[in-house]
């Protein structure tokens, strides 16, 4: 018997290891193909931008994975799960609309808010770092908020898995989950 936190942690560790292995292979391929310029990485991006973007991408992956696990915990039936996961994928892709705010002026208030807000930071902060120099305090603030968001997500997902195991055989209504 495991605790919900151990269960969620084990799932995340296994899936994350697999995904990061695949991403590493893609990065190595990018370095071999595009990284011939000195001081550049895959697709001729500056190496410092790639290194600064990695924590954002890792924490963003963790947060969105925990969100998908929470959906699976609340609605374990296959039909409901697929419908909600499709909706969640659309929500996850909406930060790409934020690119329209960052492109004209990477230092505007809208750009700042979108790149430190935890739901949009994993995709938009690396993009903003490619366009211009981002102050270090904004990078640290974005990472801190993203880390806090992931901690809340982990706690919530573990609670939802625990509630689901206690509700076996009953429908997971909002009142029953509460």
N, C-alpha and C. Protein backbone atom coordinates (compact mmCIF):
# COMPACT_ATOMS: atom_id res chain seq x y z
N UNK A 1 0.84 -1.18 0.00
CA UNK A 1 0.00 0.00 0.00
C UNK A 1 0.88 1.25 0.00
N UNK A 2 0.55 2.20 -0.86
CA UNK A 2 1.31 3.44 -0.94
C UNK A 2 0.39 4.62 -0.63
N UNK A 3 1.00 5.73 -0.28
CA UNK A 3 0.23 6.95 -0.08
C UNK A 3 -0.07 7.56 -1.45
N UNK A 4 -1.08 8.40 -1.53
CA UNK A 4 -1.35 9.05 -2.82
C UNK A 4 -0.14 9.86 -3.33
N UNK A 5 0.59 10.50 -2.43
CA UNK A 5 1.77 11.28 -2.87
C UNK A 5 2.83 10.36 -3.46
N UNK A 6 3.05 9.18 -2.87
CA UNK A 6 4.02 8.23 -3.41
C UNK A 6 3.54 7.70 -4.77
N UNK A 7 2.24 7.45 -4.88
CA UNK A 7 1.67 6.96 -6.14
C UNK A 7 1.86 7.98 -7.25
N UNK A 8 1.48 9.24 -6.97
CA UNK A 8 1.62 10.30 -7.97
C UNK A 8 3.09 10.54 -8.30
N UNK A 9 3.94 10.56 -7.26
CA UNK A 9 5.37 10.76 -7.47
C UNK A 9 5.98 9.67 -8.33
N UNK A 10 5.59 8.43 -8.10
CA UNK A 10 6.10 7.32 -8.90
C UNK A 10 5.67 7.41 -10.35
N UNK A 11 4.40 7.74 -10.57
CA UNK A 11 3.92 7.91 -11.95
C UNK A 11 4.67 9.03 -12.65
N UNK A 12 4.82 10.15 -11.96
CA UNK A 12 5.50 11.29 -12.57
C UNK A 12 6.97 10.98 -12.84
N UNK A 13 7.63 10.29 -11.94
CA UNK A 13 9.05 9.97 -12.13
C UNK A 13 9.25 9.06 -13.35
N UNK A 14 8.43 8.03 -13.46
CA UNK A 14 8.56 7.11 -14.58
C UNK A 14 8.26 7.77 -15.92
N UNK A 15 7.13 8.46 -16.00
CA UNK A 15 6.76 9.12 -17.25
C UNK A 15 7.72 10.24 -17.61
N UNK A 16 8.16 10.98 -16.61
CA UNK A 16 9.10 12.09 -16.87
C UNK A 16 10.43 11.57 -17.37
N UNK A 17 10.90 10.47 -16.82
CA UNK A 17 12.16 9.89 -17.28
C UNK A 17 12.06 9.51 -18.76
N UNK A 18 10.96 8.91 -19.13
CA UNK A 18 10.76 8.52 -20.53
C UNK A 18 10.71 9.75 -21.45
N UNK A 19 9.94 10.75 -21.08
CA UNK A 19 9.79 11.94 -21.91
C UNK A 19 11.11 12.70 -22.00
N UNK A 20 11.83 12.82 -20.89
CA UNK A 20 13.10 13.55 -20.91
C UNK A 20 14.15 12.81 -21.74
N UNK A 21 14.09 11.50 -21.74
CA UNK A 21 14.99 10.73 -22.59
C UNK A 21 14.72 11.00 -24.06
N UNK A 22 13.44 11.06 -24.44
CA UNK A 22 13.09 11.37 -25.82
C UNK A 22 13.50 12.79 -26.19
N UNK A 23 13.27 13.74 -25.28
CA UNK A 23 13.64 15.13 -25.56
C UNK A 23 15.15 15.27 -25.68
N UNK A 24 15.90 14.53 -24.87
CA UNK A 24 17.36 14.58 -24.94
C UNK A 24 17.86 14.08 -26.28
N UNK A 25 17.26 13.01 -26.78
CA UNK A 25 17.64 12.50 -28.10
C UNK A 25 17.37 13.54 -29.18
N UNK A 26 16.24 14.24 -29.08
CA UNK A 26 15.92 15.29 -30.06
C UNK A 26 16.93 16.42 -29.97
N UNK A 27 17.33 16.82 -28.74
CA UNK A 27 18.31 17.89 -28.59
C UNK A 27 19.67 17.49 -29.14
N UNK A 28 20.07 16.25 -28.89
CA UNK A 28 21.36 15.79 -29.42
C UNK A 28 21.32 15.81 -30.95
N UNK A 29 20.20 15.38 -31.52
CA UNK A 29 20.05 15.44 -32.98
C UNK A 29 20.12 16.87 -33.48
N UNK A 30 19.48 17.81 -32.76
CA UNK A 30 19.53 19.22 -33.14
C UNK A 30 20.93 19.78 -33.07
N UNK A 31 21.67 19.38 -32.04
CA UNK A 31 23.06 19.85 -31.90
C UNK A 31 23.91 19.32 -33.04
N UNK A 32 23.72 18.05 -33.38
CA UNK A 32 24.50 17.47 -34.47
C UNK A 32 24.18 18.10 -35.82
N UNK A 33 22.92 18.47 -36.03
CA UNK A 33 22.53 19.02 -37.33
C UNK A 33 22.77 20.53 -37.40
N UNK A 34 22.35 21.28 -36.36
CA UNK A 34 22.37 22.73 -36.44
C UNK A 34 23.43 23.41 -35.58
N UNK A 35 24.08 22.69 -34.72
CA UNK A 35 24.96 23.32 -33.75
C UNK A 35 26.39 23.48 -34.18
N UNK A 36 26.66 23.75 -35.43
CA UNK A 36 28.03 23.88 -35.92
C UNK A 36 28.65 25.24 -35.64
N UNK A 37 27.82 26.25 -35.34
CA UNK A 37 28.32 27.59 -35.06
C UNK A 37 28.88 27.63 -33.64
N UNK A 38 30.00 28.31 -33.41
CA UNK A 38 30.50 28.42 -32.04
C UNK A 38 29.55 29.26 -31.18
N UNK A 39 29.25 28.76 -29.98
CA UNK A 39 28.37 29.48 -29.06
C UNK A 39 26.89 29.32 -29.37
N UNK A 40 26.56 28.42 -30.28
CA UNK A 40 25.15 28.21 -30.59
C UNK A 40 24.77 26.77 -30.28
N UNK A 41 23.49 26.58 -30.06
CA UNK A 41 22.96 25.26 -29.78
C UNK A 41 22.08 24.80 -30.92
N UNK A 42 21.08 23.95 -30.62
CA UNK A 42 20.18 23.47 -31.67
C UNK A 42 19.47 24.63 -32.36
N UNK A 43 19.33 24.53 -33.64
CA UNK A 43 18.68 25.54 -34.49
C UNK A 43 19.35 26.90 -34.35
N UNK A 44 20.65 26.90 -34.06
CA UNK A 44 21.47 28.11 -33.96
C UNK A 44 20.97 29.08 -32.89
N UNK A 45 20.32 28.56 -31.85
CA UNK A 45 19.92 29.40 -30.73
C UNK A 45 21.12 29.56 -29.80
N UNK A 46 21.24 30.71 -29.17
CA UNK A 46 22.34 30.88 -28.22
C UNK A 46 22.25 29.87 -27.08
N UNK A 47 23.38 29.33 -26.70
CA UNK A 47 23.41 28.28 -25.69
C UNK A 47 22.87 28.78 -24.35
N UNK A 48 23.11 30.05 -23.99
CA UNK A 48 22.60 30.56 -22.71
C UNK A 48 21.08 30.61 -22.70
N UNK A 49 20.45 30.84 -23.84
CA UNK A 49 18.98 30.84 -23.90
C UNK A 49 18.46 29.42 -23.70
N UNK A 50 19.11 28.45 -24.31
CA UNK A 50 18.69 27.05 -24.15
C UNK A 50 18.83 26.63 -22.70
N UNK A 51 19.94 26.96 -22.07
CA UNK A 51 20.16 26.57 -20.67
C UNK A 51 19.18 27.27 -19.74
N UNK A 52 18.83 28.51 -20.02
CA UNK A 52 17.87 29.23 -19.17
C UNK A 52 16.45 28.72 -19.40
N UNK A 53 16.16 28.19 -20.58
CA UNK A 53 14.81 27.72 -20.89
C UNK A 53 14.53 26.33 -20.33
N UNK A 54 15.56 25.53 -20.10
CA UNK A 54 15.35 24.15 -19.65
C UNK A 54 14.55 24.07 -18.35
N UNK A 55 14.87 24.86 -17.30
CA UNK A 55 14.04 24.76 -16.08
C UNK A 55 12.57 25.13 -16.33
N UNK A 56 12.34 26.10 -17.18
CA UNK A 56 10.95 26.47 -17.50
C UNK A 56 10.22 25.31 -18.17
N UNK A 57 10.88 24.70 -19.12
CA UNK A 57 10.25 23.61 -19.85
C UNK A 57 10.01 22.40 -18.95
N UNK A 58 10.97 22.10 -18.06
CA UNK A 58 10.80 20.97 -17.13
C UNK A 58 9.66 21.23 -16.14
N UNK A 59 9.65 22.41 -15.54
CA UNK A 59 8.59 22.72 -14.57
C UNK A 59 7.23 22.84 -15.25
N UNK A 60 7.21 23.35 -16.48
CA UNK A 60 5.96 23.41 -17.23
C UNK A 60 5.44 22.03 -17.56
N UNK A 61 6.33 21.15 -17.97
CA UNK A 61 5.94 19.77 -18.24
C UNK A 61 5.36 19.13 -16.99
N UNK A 62 6.02 19.33 -15.86
CA UNK A 62 5.56 18.76 -14.60
C UNK A 62 4.17 19.30 -14.24
N UNK A 63 3.98 20.59 -14.36
CA UNK A 63 2.68 21.19 -14.03
C UNK A 63 1.55 20.70 -14.91
N UNK A 64 1.78 20.65 -16.22
CA UNK A 64 0.73 20.20 -17.12
C UNK A 64 0.48 18.70 -16.97
N UNK A 65 1.50 17.93 -16.66
CA UNK A 65 1.30 16.50 -16.42
C UNK A 65 0.47 16.28 -15.17
N UNK A 66 0.74 17.05 -14.14
CA UNK A 66 -0.05 16.94 -12.91
C UNK A 66 -1.50 17.35 -13.16
N UNK A 67 -1.71 18.33 -14.02
CA UNK A 67 -3.08 18.73 -14.36
C UNK A 67 -3.81 17.58 -15.04
N UNK A 68 -3.14 16.91 -15.96
CA UNK A 68 -3.75 15.77 -16.66
C UNK A 68 -4.02 14.61 -15.69
N UNK A 69 -3.12 14.40 -14.73
CA UNK A 69 -3.35 13.36 -13.72
C UNK A 69 -4.54 13.71 -12.84
N UNK A 70 -4.71 14.99 -12.54
CA UNK A 70 -5.86 15.42 -11.73
C UNK A 70 -7.16 15.15 -12.49
N UNK A 71 -7.16 15.40 -13.80
CA UNK A 71 -8.35 15.11 -14.61
C UNK A 71 -8.63 13.61 -14.58
N UNK A 72 -7.59 12.80 -14.70
CA UNK A 72 -7.77 11.35 -14.66
C UNK A 72 -8.26 10.89 -13.30
N UNK A 73 -7.87 11.58 -12.23
CA UNK A 73 -8.32 11.20 -10.89
C UNK A 73 -9.79 11.54 -10.69
N UNK A 74 -10.21 12.68 -11.22
CA UNK A 74 -11.60 13.09 -11.02
C UNK A 74 -12.56 12.28 -11.88
N UNK A 75 -12.18 12.04 -13.13
CA UNK A 75 -13.05 11.34 -14.07
C UNK A 75 -12.33 10.11 -14.62
N UNK A 76 -12.39 8.99 -13.91
CA UNK A 76 -11.63 7.82 -14.33
C UNK A 76 -12.24 7.04 -15.50
N UNK A 77 -13.51 7.31 -15.87
CA UNK A 77 -14.07 6.58 -16.98
C UNK A 77 -13.46 7.09 -18.28
N UNK A 78 -13.31 6.19 -19.22
CA UNK A 78 -12.58 6.49 -20.44
C UNK A 78 -13.25 7.60 -21.26
N UNK A 79 -14.57 7.57 -21.41
CA UNK A 79 -15.26 8.56 -22.24
C UNK A 79 -15.09 9.97 -21.68
N UNK A 80 -15.37 10.15 -20.39
CA UNK A 80 -15.23 11.47 -19.77
C UNK A 80 -13.77 11.93 -19.78
N UNK A 81 -12.87 11.00 -19.53
CA UNK A 81 -11.45 11.32 -19.47
C UNK A 81 -10.95 11.85 -20.80
N UNK A 82 -11.31 11.20 -21.92
CA UNK A 82 -10.86 11.65 -23.23
C UNK A 82 -11.41 13.03 -23.57
N UNK A 83 -12.68 13.27 -23.22
CA UNK A 83 -13.28 14.56 -23.52
C UNK A 83 -12.58 15.67 -22.73
N UNK A 84 -12.34 15.44 -21.45
CA UNK A 84 -11.70 16.46 -20.64
C UNK A 84 -10.24 16.65 -21.01
N UNK A 85 -9.55 15.58 -21.38
CA UNK A 85 -8.16 15.73 -21.77
C UNK A 85 -8.05 16.51 -23.08
N UNK A 86 -9.00 16.34 -23.99
CA UNK A 86 -9.00 17.14 -25.22
C UNK A 86 -9.17 18.61 -24.87
N UNK A 87 -10.12 18.91 -23.97
CA UNK A 87 -10.33 20.29 -23.53
C UNK A 87 -9.07 20.84 -22.88
N UNK A 88 -8.42 20.05 -22.03
CA UNK A 88 -7.21 20.50 -21.34
C UNK A 88 -6.07 20.75 -22.33
N UNK A 89 -5.98 19.94 -23.37
CA UNK A 89 -4.93 20.18 -24.38
C UNK A 89 -5.15 21.52 -25.08
N UNK A 90 -6.41 21.86 -25.33
CA UNK A 90 -6.71 23.15 -25.95
C UNK A 90 -6.33 24.29 -24.99
N UNK A 91 -6.61 24.12 -23.72
CA UNK A 91 -6.26 25.13 -22.71
C UNK A 91 -4.74 25.27 -22.64
N UNK A 92 -4.03 24.16 -22.70
CA UNK A 92 -2.57 24.18 -22.61
C UNK A 92 -1.96 24.92 -23.80
N UNK A 93 -2.58 24.83 -24.96
CA UNK A 93 -2.04 25.49 -26.15
C UNK A 93 -2.41 26.97 -26.25
N UNK A 94 -3.34 27.46 -25.43
CA UNK A 94 -3.73 28.86 -25.50
C UNK A 94 -2.60 29.84 -25.21
N UNK A 95 -1.57 29.50 -24.41
CA UNK A 95 -0.49 30.47 -24.23
C UNK A 95 0.20 30.88 -25.53
N UNK A 96 0.08 30.06 -26.56
CA UNK A 96 0.71 30.43 -27.82
C UNK A 96 0.10 31.71 -28.41
N UNK A 97 -1.14 32.03 -28.00
CA UNK A 97 -1.75 33.30 -28.42
C UNK A 97 -0.96 34.46 -27.81
N UNK A 98 -0.36 34.24 -26.64
CA UNK A 98 0.44 35.27 -25.99
C UNK A 98 1.63 35.72 -26.81
N UNK A 99 2.05 34.91 -27.76
CA UNK A 99 3.15 35.30 -28.65
C UNK A 99 2.80 36.59 -29.39
N UNK A 100 1.51 36.77 -29.69
CA UNK A 100 1.08 37.98 -30.38
C UNK A 100 1.31 39.23 -29.55
N UNK A 101 1.34 39.09 -28.21
CA UNK A 101 1.59 40.23 -27.33
C UNK A 101 3.09 40.46 -27.13
N UNK A 102 3.87 39.40 -27.24
CA UNK A 102 5.31 39.49 -26.98
C UNK A 102 6.07 39.97 -28.21
N UNK A 103 5.65 39.54 -29.39
CA UNK A 103 6.37 39.91 -30.62
C UNK A 103 6.52 41.41 -30.82
N UNK A 104 5.45 42.21 -30.70
CA UNK A 104 5.62 43.65 -30.95
C UNK A 104 6.51 44.35 -29.93
N UNK A 105 6.40 43.96 -28.65
CA UNK A 105 7.19 44.62 -27.61
C UNK A 105 7.47 43.62 -26.48
N UNK A 106 8.65 43.00 -26.48
CA UNK A 106 8.97 42.00 -25.45
C UNK A 106 9.10 42.58 -24.05
N UNK A 107 9.11 43.91 -23.91
CA UNK A 107 9.26 44.52 -22.59
C UNK A 107 7.98 45.20 -22.11
N UNK A 108 6.86 44.94 -22.76
CA UNK A 108 5.59 45.55 -22.35
C UNK A 108 5.07 44.89 -21.08
N UNK A 109 4.08 45.51 -20.48
CA UNK A 109 3.46 44.96 -19.26
C UNK A 109 2.80 43.63 -19.56
N UNK A 110 2.13 43.52 -20.70
CA UNK A 110 1.49 42.26 -21.09
C UNK A 110 2.53 41.15 -21.23
N UNK A 111 3.67 41.46 -21.82
CA UNK A 111 4.74 40.47 -21.96
C UNK A 111 5.25 40.03 -20.61
N UNK A 112 5.44 40.99 -19.72
CA UNK A 112 5.93 40.67 -18.37
C UNK A 112 4.95 39.76 -17.64
N UNK A 113 3.67 40.10 -17.66
CA UNK A 113 2.66 39.30 -16.96
C UNK A 113 2.57 37.90 -17.55
N UNK A 114 2.54 37.80 -18.86
CA UNK A 114 2.42 36.49 -19.51
C UNK A 114 3.64 35.60 -19.26
N UNK A 115 4.81 36.20 -19.07
CA UNK A 115 6.01 35.39 -18.90
C UNK A 115 6.31 35.05 -17.44
N UNK A 116 5.57 35.62 -16.49
CA UNK A 116 5.76 35.17 -15.10
C UNK A 116 4.54 34.44 -14.58
N UNK A 117 3.40 34.49 -15.29
CA UNK A 117 2.20 33.76 -14.89
C UNK A 117 2.45 32.26 -15.10
N UNK A 118 2.22 31.42 -14.07
CA UNK A 118 2.62 30.01 -14.16
C UNK A 118 2.03 29.21 -15.31
N UNK A 119 0.83 29.54 -15.76
CA UNK A 119 0.24 28.75 -16.84
C UNK A 119 0.80 29.09 -18.22
N UNK A 120 1.34 30.29 -18.37
CA UNK A 120 1.87 30.70 -19.67
C UNK A 120 3.39 30.80 -19.68
N UNK A 121 4.02 30.87 -18.52
CA UNK A 121 5.47 31.05 -18.45
C UNK A 121 6.28 29.95 -19.12
N UNK A 122 5.92 28.66 -19.00
CA UNK A 122 6.78 27.62 -19.60
C UNK A 122 6.98 27.76 -21.11
N UNK A 123 5.98 28.28 -21.81
CA UNK A 123 6.11 28.44 -23.26
C UNK A 123 6.57 29.83 -23.66
N UNK A 124 6.12 30.85 -22.92
CA UNK A 124 6.37 32.21 -23.37
C UNK A 124 7.68 32.81 -22.86
N UNK A 125 8.15 32.41 -21.67
CA UNK A 125 9.42 32.98 -21.19
C UNK A 125 10.59 32.56 -22.09
N UNK A 126 10.72 31.27 -22.47
CA UNK A 126 11.81 30.95 -23.41
C UNK A 126 11.70 31.71 -24.72
N UNK A 127 10.48 31.91 -25.21
CA UNK A 127 10.28 32.67 -26.44
C UNK A 127 10.73 34.12 -26.25
N UNK A 128 10.36 34.72 -25.12
CA UNK A 128 10.76 36.10 -24.85
C UNK A 128 12.27 36.21 -24.70
N UNK A 129 12.91 35.19 -24.10
CA UNK A 129 14.36 35.20 -23.93
C UNK A 129 15.07 35.12 -25.29
N UNK A 130 14.43 34.51 -26.28
CA UNK A 130 15.03 34.46 -27.61
C UNK A 130 14.95 35.82 -28.31
N UNK A 131 13.92 36.60 -27.98
CA UNK A 131 13.72 37.89 -28.64
C UNK A 131 14.55 39.02 -28.05
N UNK A 132 14.73 39.01 -26.73
CA UNK A 132 15.43 40.11 -26.09
C UNK A 132 16.04 39.64 -24.78
N UNK A 133 16.78 40.53 -24.15
CA UNK A 133 17.38 40.23 -22.85
C UNK A 133 16.32 40.44 -21.77
N UNK A 134 16.12 39.42 -20.95
CA UNK A 134 15.14 39.47 -19.87
C UNK A 134 15.90 39.67 -18.57
N UNK A 135 15.47 40.64 -17.73
CA UNK A 135 16.15 40.84 -16.45
C UNK A 135 16.12 39.57 -15.60
N UNK A 136 17.21 39.33 -14.88
CA UNK A 136 17.34 38.12 -14.07
C UNK A 136 16.25 37.98 -13.02
N UNK A 137 15.81 39.09 -12.44
CA UNK A 137 14.77 39.03 -11.41
C UNK A 137 13.46 38.50 -11.98
N UNK A 138 13.17 38.83 -13.25
CA UNK A 138 11.95 38.32 -13.87
C UNK A 138 12.06 36.82 -14.14
N UNK A 139 13.25 36.37 -14.52
CA UNK A 139 13.46 34.94 -14.75
C UNK A 139 13.29 34.18 -13.44
N UNK A 140 13.89 34.69 -12.36
CA UNK A 140 13.80 34.03 -11.05
C UNK A 140 12.36 34.07 -10.54
N UNK A 141 11.67 35.21 -10.71
CA UNK A 141 10.28 35.32 -10.26
C UNK A 141 9.39 34.33 -11.02
N UNK A 142 9.58 34.23 -12.32
CA UNK A 142 8.80 33.29 -13.11
C UNK A 142 9.04 31.85 -12.68
N UNK A 143 10.31 31.50 -12.44
CA UNK A 143 10.63 30.14 -11.99
C UNK A 143 10.05 29.87 -10.60
N UNK A 144 10.13 30.87 -9.71
CA UNK A 144 9.58 30.70 -8.37
C UNK A 144 8.08 30.48 -8.37
N UNK A 145 7.37 31.29 -9.16
CA UNK A 145 5.92 31.11 -9.25
C UNK A 145 5.55 29.78 -9.90
N UNK A 146 6.33 29.38 -10.87
CA UNK A 146 6.10 28.09 -11.54
C UNK A 146 6.34 26.93 -10.57
N UNK A 147 7.38 27.03 -9.77
CA UNK A 147 7.67 26.00 -8.77
C UNK A 147 6.56 25.94 -7.72
N UNK A 148 6.09 27.09 -7.28
CA UNK A 148 4.99 27.13 -6.31
C UNK A 148 3.72 26.52 -6.91
N UNK A 149 3.43 26.85 -8.16
CA UNK A 149 2.27 26.30 -8.85
C UNK A 149 2.36 24.77 -8.95
N UNK A 150 3.54 24.26 -9.28
CA UNK A 150 3.72 22.81 -9.37
C UNK A 150 3.52 22.15 -8.01
N UNK A 151 3.98 22.79 -6.94
CA UNK A 151 3.78 22.25 -5.60
C UNK A 151 2.30 22.17 -5.25
N UNK A 152 1.55 23.22 -5.57
CA UNK A 152 0.11 23.22 -5.32
C UNK A 152 -0.56 22.15 -6.17
N UNK A 153 -0.15 22.02 -7.42
CA UNK A 153 -0.70 21.00 -8.31
C UNK A 153 -0.45 19.59 -7.76
N UNK A 154 0.78 19.34 -7.28
CA UNK A 154 1.11 18.03 -6.73
C UNK A 154 0.23 17.73 -5.52
N UNK A 155 0.10 18.71 -4.63
CA UNK A 155 -0.72 18.53 -3.43
C UNK A 155 -2.17 18.25 -3.81
N UNK A 156 -2.72 19.04 -4.75
CA UNK A 156 -4.10 18.87 -5.18
C UNK A 156 -4.32 17.51 -5.85
N UNK A 157 -3.41 17.12 -6.71
CA UNK A 157 -3.55 15.84 -7.42
C UNK A 157 -3.50 14.67 -6.44
N UNK A 158 -2.61 14.73 -5.47
CA UNK A 158 -2.54 13.66 -4.46
C UNK A 158 -3.85 13.61 -3.67
N UNK A 159 -4.40 14.77 -3.32
CA UNK A 159 -5.68 14.80 -2.59
C UNK A 159 -6.81 14.24 -3.45
N UNK A 160 -6.80 14.54 -4.74
CA UNK A 160 -7.86 14.04 -5.62
C UNK A 160 -7.75 12.52 -5.79
N UNK A 161 -6.54 11.98 -5.89
CA UNK A 161 -6.38 10.53 -5.97
C UNK A 161 -6.85 9.87 -4.69
N UNK A 162 -6.57 10.48 -3.55
CA UNK A 162 -7.03 9.94 -2.27
C UNK A 162 -8.56 9.97 -2.22
N UNK A 163 -9.15 11.09 -2.63
CA UNK A 163 -10.61 11.20 -2.64
C UNK A 163 -11.23 10.18 -3.59
N UNK A 164 -10.60 9.98 -4.74
CA UNK A 164 -11.12 9.00 -5.70
C UNK A 164 -11.10 7.60 -5.10
N UNK A 165 -10.03 7.25 -4.39
CA UNK A 165 -9.97 5.92 -3.80
C UNK A 165 -11.01 5.76 -2.69
N UNK A 166 -11.36 6.85 -2.00
CA UNK A 166 -12.40 6.79 -0.98
C UNK A 166 -13.80 6.76 -1.58
N UNK A 167 -13.94 7.24 -2.82
CA UNK A 167 -15.24 7.30 -3.48
C UNK A 167 -15.50 6.13 -4.41
N UNK A 168 -14.76 5.05 -4.28
CA UNK A 168 -14.90 3.92 -5.19
C UNK A 168 -16.35 3.47 -5.25
N UNK A 169 -16.88 3.41 -6.45
CA UNK A 169 -18.24 2.97 -6.66
C UNK A 169 -19.25 4.10 -6.70
N UNK A 170 -18.84 5.32 -6.35
CA UNK A 170 -19.75 6.47 -6.39
C UNK A 170 -19.29 7.42 -7.48
N UNK A 171 -20.20 8.24 -7.94
CA UNK A 171 -19.88 9.23 -8.95
C UNK A 171 -19.12 10.39 -8.29
N UNK A 172 -18.09 10.87 -8.96
CA UNK A 172 -17.26 11.95 -8.43
C UNK A 172 -17.91 13.29 -8.74
N UNK A 173 -18.85 13.70 -7.89
CA UNK A 173 -19.46 15.02 -8.04
C UNK A 173 -18.60 16.04 -7.29
N UNK A 174 -18.72 17.32 -7.63
CA UNK A 174 -17.94 18.32 -6.89
C UNK A 174 -18.19 18.29 -5.38
N UNK A 175 -19.43 18.07 -4.99
CA UNK A 175 -19.75 18.01 -3.55
C UNK A 175 -19.09 16.80 -2.90
N UNK A 176 -19.15 15.65 -3.56
CA UNK A 176 -18.53 14.45 -3.00
C UNK A 176 -17.01 14.59 -2.92
N UNK A 177 -16.40 15.24 -3.92
CA UNK A 177 -14.96 15.46 -3.88
C UNK A 177 -14.58 16.41 -2.75
N UNK A 178 -15.40 17.42 -2.52
CA UNK A 178 -15.11 18.37 -1.44
C UNK A 178 -15.16 17.66 -0.11
